[in-house]
Amino acid sequence: MPRIFAPNDGHNYNAGGVLFQYGAAALPLGSAIAAEFTAAGYMVDTSKHALTPFDTLPRAALDRIALYLDLTLDAEDGKYEVLRDIEGVISTAKRTALTITSVAGTASGDTKITVAGEGTGQLVYKITDAALTPLYRDYAGDWTEFTDGDDISAATGKKVNVAEIDANGDVIGFGSATVTAKA
């Protein structure tokens, strides 16, 4: 269920079953209408799986929270940018830093991934060209599950991004490393 943000922060109405409150709404999971909203100038954010308590606040309240957190407000920023800045501060305080190690795995093309600093949540990973930076409670429930110490297939030089997620698939810990695979 991605979040969606209207071009107008004061957008308060039901648009075809998508209820907007202060410019924010949640699309039904697997909704095919995201492209229609994007084409109409709306911002679709797949980093969250549901609306947060901040999403339904008016922009003026978010600006006050941002200033309280010593964030610099940019006149061109919309509600989404202010929200992500606030979520970034929360992430710094709440998201556990995971230490990820990648060493040559057992088979050719495999790497053994070890994780330090995790709690009791499920570990998931995603291989990318550049390190990701998910924030606290961003959705990573669609990443690949693994257990600390597993071998995974990945090419040397790629980035392995590891998140610890809660039962809802939300990020509670994160770290990344450069892959070292067995030749």
C-alpha atoms as a PDB file:
ATOM      1  CA  MET A   1       0.000   0.000   0.000  1.00  0.00           C
ATOM      2  CA  PRO A   2       2.187   2.907  -1.189  1.00  0.00           C
ATOM      3  CA  ARG A   3       1.667   6.433   0.033  1.00  0.00           C
ATOM      4  CA  ILE A   4       0.585   9.065  -2.449  1.00  0.00           C
ATOM      5  CA  PHE A   5       0.939  12.823  -2.201  1.00  0.00           C
ATOM      6  CA  ALA A   6      -1.163  15.375  -4.058  1.00  0.00           C
ATOM      7  CA  PRO A   7       0.446  18.432  -5.648  1.00  0.00           C
ATOM      8  CA  ASN A   8      -1.734  20.491  -3.275  1.00  0.00           C
ATOM      9  CA  ASP A   9      -0.994  19.873   0.430  1.00  0.00           C
ATOM     10  CA  GLY A  10      -4.570  20.874   1.295  1.00  0.00           C
ATOM     11  CA  HIS A  11      -6.085  18.136  -0.879  1.00  0.00           C
ATOM     12  CA  ASN A  12      -8.935  16.670   1.269  1.00  0.00           C
ATOM     13  CA  TYR A  13     -11.324  14.442  -0.659  1.00  0.00           C
ATOM     14  CA  ASN A  14     -12.103  10.960  -1.846  1.00  0.00           C
ATOM     15  CA  ALA A  15     -10.653  10.439  -5.346  1.00  0.00           C
ATOM     16  CA  GLY A  16     -12.113   7.215  -6.690  1.00  0.00           C
ATOM     17  CA  GLY A  17     -11.920   5.387  -3.376  1.00  0.00           C
ATOM     18  CA  VAL A  18      -8.560   6.908  -2.404  1.00  0.00           C
ATOM     19  CA  LEU A  19      -9.204   9.116   0.635  1.00  0.00           C
ATOM     20  CA  PHE A  20      -6.869  12.125   0.830  1.00  0.00           C
ATOM     21  CA  GLN A  21      -6.252  13.961   4.075  1.00  0.00           C
ATOM     22  CA  TYR A  22      -4.044  17.073   3.910  1.00  0.00           C
ATOM     23  CA  GLY A  23      -2.667  15.930   0.562  1.00  0.00           C
ATOM     24  CA  ALA A  24      -1.756  12.375   1.587  1.00  0.00           C
ATOM     25  CA  ALA A  25      -3.443   9.022   0.981  1.00  0.00           C
ATOM     26  CA  ALA A  26      -2.605   5.334   0.788  1.00  0.00           C
ATOM     27  CA  LEU A  27      -3.206   3.334  -2.359  1.00  0.00           C
ATOM     28  CA  PRO A  28      -4.581  -0.198  -2.036  1.00  0.00           C
ATOM     29  CA  LEU A  29      -1.852  -2.856  -2.281  1.00  0.00           C
ATOM     30  CA  GLY A  30      -1.291  -3.877  -5.890  1.00  0.00           C
ATOM     31  CA  SER A  31      -3.372  -0.965  -7.129  1.00  0.00           C
ATOM     32  CA  ALA A  32      -3.170  -0.336 -10.857  1.00  0.00           C
ATOM     33  CA  ILE A  33      -4.142   3.321 -10.475  1.00  0.00           C
ATOM     34  CA  ALA A  34      -0.724   4.520  -9.253  1.00  0.00           C
ATOM     35  CA  ALA A  35       0.319   5.296 -12.835  1.00  0.00           C
ATOM     36  CA  GLU A  36      -2.797   7.407 -13.350  1.00  0.00           C
ATOM     37  CA  PHE A  37      -2.041   9.489 -10.257  1.00  0.00           C
ATOM     38  CA  THR A  38       1.625   9.852 -11.282  1.00  0.00           C
ATOM     39  CA  ALA A  39       0.587  11.058 -14.746  1.00  0.00           C
ATOM     40  CA  ALA A  40      -1.645  13.651 -13.076  1.00  0.00           C
ATOM     41  CA  GLY A  41       1.270  15.085 -11.059  1.00  0.00           C
ATOM     42  CA  TYR A  42       0.851  13.152  -7.810  1.00  0.00           C
ATOM     43  CA  MET A  43       3.914  11.681  -6.049  1.00  0.00           C
ATOM     44  CA  VAL A  44       3.709   7.929  -5.357  1.00  0.00           C
ATOM     45  CA  ASP A  45       6.035   6.791  -2.556  1.00  0.00           C
ATOM     46  CA  THR A  46       6.648   3.049  -2.264  1.00  0.00           C
ATOM     47  CA  SER A  47       9.074   3.396   0.670  1.00  0.00           C
ATOM     48  CA  LYS A  48       6.247   2.970   3.184  1.00  0.00           C
ATOM     49  CA  HIS A  49       3.647   0.239   3.311  1.00  0.00           C
ATOM     50  CA  ALA A  50       1.051   2.389   5.077  1.00  0.00           C
ATOM     51  CA  LEU A  51       0.399   5.956   6.131  1.00  0.00           C
ATOM     52  CA  THR A  52       2.340   7.192   9.143  1.00  0.00           C
ATOM     53  CA  PRO A  53       0.910   9.444  11.863  1.00  0.00           C
ATOM     54  CA  PHE A  54       2.759  12.379  10.252  1.00  0.00           C
ATOM     55  CA  ASP A  55       1.195  11.872   6.812  1.00  0.00           C
ATOM     56  CA  THR A  56      -2.237  13.151   7.800  1.00  0.00           C
ATOM     57  CA  LEU A  57      -0.968  16.289   9.536  1.00  0.00           C
ATOM     58  CA  PRO A  58      -1.391  19.649   7.836  1.00  0.00           C
ATOM     59  CA  ARG A  59       1.742  21.085   6.241  1.00  0.00           C
ATOM     60  CA  ALA A  60       1.968  23.890   8.832  1.00  0.00           C
ATOM     61  CA  ALA A  61       2.207  21.317  11.636  1.00  0.00           C
ATOM     62  CA  LEU A  62       4.911  19.396   9.747  1.00  0.00           C
ATOM     63  CA  ASP A  63       6.871  22.607   9.240  1.00  0.00           C
ATOM     64  CA  ARG A  64       6.722  23.294  13.004  1.00  0.00           C
ATOM     65  CA  ILE A  65       7.964  19.743  13.718  1.00  0.00           C
ATOM     66  CA  ALA A  66      10.775  20.142  11.166  1.00  0.00           C
ATOM     67  CA  LEU A  67      11.878  23.443  12.715  1.00  0.00           C
ATOM     68  CA  TYR A  68      11.742  21.883  16.198  1.00  0.00           C
ATOM     69  CA  LEU A  69      14.115  19.180  14.883  1.00  0.00           C
ATOM     70  CA  ASP A  70      16.447  21.915  13.545  1.00  0.00           C
ATOM     71  CA  LEU A  71      15.753  21.014   9.928  1.00  0.00           C
ATOM     72  CA  THR A  72      16.120  23.685   7.270  1.00  0.00           C
ATOM     73  CA  LEU A  73      12.929  24.210   5.303  1.00  0.00           C
ATOM     74  CA  ASP A  74      13.262  24.767   1.564  1.00  0.00           C
ATOM     75  CA  ALA A  75      10.515  26.902   0.011  1.00  0.00           C
ATOM     76  CA  GLU A  76      10.323  24.558  -3.011  1.00  0.00           C
ATOM     77  CA  ASP A  77       9.855  21.423  -0.918  1.00  0.00           C
ATOM     78  CA  GLY A  78       6.448  19.802  -0.865  1.00  0.00           C
ATOM     79  CA  LYS A  79       4.895  17.844   1.947  1.00  0.00           C
ATOM     80  CA  TYR A  80       6.663  14.648   0.859  1.00  0.00           C
ATOM     81  CA  GLU A  81      10.142  16.188   1.116  1.00  0.00           C
ATOM     82  CA  VAL A  82       9.422  17.618   4.577  1.00  0.00           C
ATOM     83  CA  LEU A  83       8.073  14.234   5.709  1.00  0.00           C
ATOM     84  CA  ARG A  84      11.178  12.394   4.440  1.00  0.00           C
ATOM     85  CA  ASP A  85      13.407  14.912   6.252  1.00  0.00           C
ATOM     86  CA  ILE A  86      11.503  14.301   9.509  1.00  0.00           C
ATOM     87  CA  GLU A  87      11.624  10.535   8.912  1.00  0.00           C
ATOM     88  CA  GLY A  88      15.388  10.857   8.373  1.00  0.00           C
ATOM     89  CA  VAL A  89      15.853  12.384  11.834  1.00  0.00           C
ATOM     90  CA  ILE A  90      13.711   9.650  13.380  1.00  0.00           C
ATOM     91  CA  SER A  91      15.692   7.049  11.431  1.00  0.00           C
ATOM     92  CA  THR A  92      18.998   8.332  12.807  1.00  0.00           C
ATOM     93  CA  ALA A  93      17.640   7.975  16.338  1.00  0.00           C
ATOM     94  CA  LYS A  94      15.738   4.690  15.979  1.00  0.00           C
ATOM     95  CA  ARG A  95      17.174   2.507  13.162  1.00  0.00           C
ATOM     96  CA  THR A  96      19.795   0.043  14.365  1.00  0.00           C
ATOM     97  CA  ALA A  97      23.093   0.155  12.491  1.00  0.00           C
ATOM     98  CA  LEU A  98      23.953  -3.328  11.220  1.00  0.00           C
ATOM     99  CA  THR A  99      27.540  -4.290  10.419  1.00  0.00           C
ATOM    100  CA  ILE A 100      27.603  -6.390   7.253  1.00  0.00           C
ATOM    101  CA  THR A 101      30.539  -8.546   6.160  1.00  0.00           C
ATOM    102  CA  SER A 102      30.868 -10.193   2.748  1.00  0.00           C
ATOM    103  CA  VAL A 103      33.519 -12.860   2.133  1.00  0.00           C
ATOM    104  CA  ALA A 104      33.939 -15.433  -0.623  1.00  0.00           C
ATOM    105  CA  GLY A 105      31.264 -18.112  -0.325  1.00  0.00           C
ATOM    106  CA  THR A 106      31.445 -21.856  -0.854  1.00  0.00           C
ATOM    107  CA  ALA A 107      30.566 -22.006  -4.559  1.00  0.00           C
ATOM    108  CA  SER A 108      31.754 -19.851  -7.452  1.00  0.00           C
ATOM    109  CA  GLY A 109      29.690 -16.628  -7.613  1.00  0.00           C
ATOM    110  CA  ASP A 110      28.579 -16.906  -3.994  1.00  0.00           C
ATOM    111  CA  THR A 111      29.294 -14.650  -1.033  1.00  0.00           C
ATOM    112  CA  LYS A 112      28.875 -15.474   2.646  1.00  0.00           C
ATOM    113  CA  ILE A 113      27.024 -12.672   4.436  1.00  0.00           C
ATOM    114  CA  THR A 114      27.402 -12.174   8.169  1.00  0.00           C
ATOM    115  CA  VAL A 115      25.548  -9.576  10.204  1.00  0.00           C
ATOM    116  CA  ALA A 116      26.402  -8.023  13.562  1.00  0.00           C
ATOM    117  CA  GLY A 117      24.120  -5.827  15.625  1.00  0.00           C
ATOM    118  CA  GLU A 118      20.763  -7.343  14.722  1.00  0.00           C
ATOM    119  CA  GLY A 119      17.970  -8.049  17.177  1.00  0.00           C
ATOM    120  CA  THR A 120      15.246 -10.655  16.794  1.00  0.00           C
ATOM    121  CA  GLY A 121      13.727  -9.431  13.527  1.00  0.00           C
ATOM    122  CA  GLN A 122      13.897 -11.201  10.149  1.00  0.00           C
ATOM    123  CA  LEU A 123      16.947 -10.467   7.983  1.00  0.00           C
ATOM    124  CA  VAL A 124      16.366  -9.594   4.322  1.00  0.00           C
ATOM    125  CA  TYR A 125      18.706  -8.461   1.567  1.00  0.00           C
ATOM    126  CA  LYS A 126      18.752  -6.767  -1.807  1.00  0.00           C
ATOM    127  CA  ILE A 127      21.689  -6.693  -4.254  1.00  0.00           C
ATOM    128  CA  THR A 128      22.189  -3.355  -6.061  1.00  0.00           C
ATOM    129  CA  ASP A 129      24.838  -1.371  -7.904  1.00  0.00           C
ATOM    130  CA  ALA A 130      24.922   1.345  -5.202  1.00  0.00           C
ATOM    131  CA  ALA A 131      24.171   1.202  -1.481  1.00  0.00           C
ATOM    132  CA  LEU A 132      20.553   1.905  -0.532  1.00  0.00           C
ATOM    133  CA  THR A 133      19.492   4.151   2.344  1.00  0.00           C
ATOM    134  CA  PRO A 134      16.103   3.002   3.642  1.00  0.00           C
ATOM    135  CA  LEU A 135      14.800   4.940   6.603  1.00  0.00           C
ATOM    136  CA  TYR A 136      13.343   3.593   9.824  1.00  0.00           C
ATOM    137  CA  ARG A 137      10.015   1.876   9.121  1.00  0.00           C
ATOM    138  CA  ASP A 138      10.445   1.988   5.335  1.00  0.00           C
ATOM    139  CA  TYR A 139       8.987  -1.161   3.784  1.00  0.00           C
ATOM    140  CA  ALA A 140      11.425  -3.967   2.871  1.00  0.00           C
ATOM    141  CA  GLY A 141       9.092  -6.947   3.250  1.00  0.00           C
ATOM    142  CA  ASP A 142       9.522  -7.757  -0.447  1.00  0.00           C
ATOM    143  CA  TRP A 143      13.316  -8.195  -0.163  1.00  0.00           C
ATOM    144  CA  THR A 144      14.837 -11.714  -0.058  1.00  0.00           C
ATOM    145  CA  GLU A 145      14.884 -13.433   3.345  1.00  0.00           C
ATOM    146  CA  PHE A 146      18.072 -15.055   4.611  1.00  0.00           C
ATOM    147  CA  THR A 147      19.781 -16.199   7.795  1.00  0.00           C
ATOM    148  CA  ASP A 148      22.994 -14.704   9.154  1.00  0.00           C
ATOM    149  CA  GLY A 149      25.930 -16.642   7.680  1.00  0.00           C
ATOM    150  CA  ASP A 150      24.089 -17.830   4.538  1.00  0.00           C
ATOM    151  CA  ASP A 151      25.758 -17.940   1.144  1.00  0.00           C
ATOM    152  CA  ILE A 152      23.955 -15.888  -1.503  1.00  0.00           C
ATOM    153  CA  SER A 153      24.660 -15.387  -5.212  1.00  0.00           C
ATOM    154  CA  ALA A 154      26.041 -11.937  -6.037  1.00  0.00           C
ATOM    155  CA  ALA A 155      28.815 -10.505  -8.182  1.00  0.00           C
ATOM    156  CA  THR A 156      31.959  -9.014  -6.668  1.00  0.00           C
ATOM    157  CA  GLY A 157      31.704  -5.229  -6.472  1.00  0.00           C
ATOM    158  CA  LYS A 158      27.906  -5.099  -6.128  1.00  0.00           C
ATOM    159  CA  LYS A 159      26.355  -3.832  -2.894  1.00  0.00           C
ATOM    160  CA  VAL A 160      24.545  -6.159  -0.523  1.00  0.00           C
ATOM    161  CA  ASN A 161      21.936  -4.181   1.425  1.00  0.00           C
ATOM    162  CA  VAL A 162      20.736  -5.945   4.557  1.00  0.00           C
ATOM    163  CA  ALA A 163      17.717  -4.884   6.568  1.00  0.00           C
ATOM    164  CA  GLU A 164      16.304  -6.257   9.765  1.00  0.00           C
ATOM    165  CA  ILE A 165      12.525  -6.047   9.500  1.00  0.00           C
ATOM    166  CA  ASP A 166       9.680  -6.383  11.963  1.00  0.00           C
ATOM    167  CA  ALA A 167       6.579  -8.564  11.491  1.00  0.00           C
ATOM    168  CA  ASN A 168       5.067  -5.906   9.163  1.00  0.00           C
ATOM    169  CA  GLY A 169       8.108  -5.878   6.857  1.00  0.00           C
ATOM    170  CA  ASP A 170       9.257  -2.479   8.133  1.00  0.00           C
ATOM    171  CA  VAL A 171      12.967  -1.654   8.466  1.00  0.00           C
ATOM    172  CA  ILE A 172      14.229  -1.498  12.052  1.00  0.00           C
ATOM    173  CA  GLY A 173      17.928  -2.041  11.274  1.00  0.00           C
ATOM    174  CA  PHE A 174      20.094  -1.578   8.208  1.00  0.00           C
ATOM    175  CA  GLY A 175      23.609  -1.926   6.841  1.00  0.00           C
ATOM    176  CA  SER A 176      25.359  -2.542   3.532  1.00  0.00           C
ATOM    177  CA  ALA A 177      28.692  -3.843   2.260  1.00  0.00           C
ATOM    178  CA  THR A 178      30.530  -4.379  -0.996  1.00  0.00           C
ATOM    179  CA  VAL A 179      30.214  -7.978  -2.208  1.00  0.00           C
ATOM    180  CA  THR A 180      33.231 -10.263  -2.321  1.00  0.00           C
ATOM    181  CA  ALA A 181      32.190 -13.412  -4.232  1.00  0.00           C
ATOM    182  CA  LYS A 182      34.151 -16.602  -4.793  1.00  0.00           C
ATOM    183  CA  ALA A 183      35.761 -16.612  -8.230  1.00  0.00           C
END
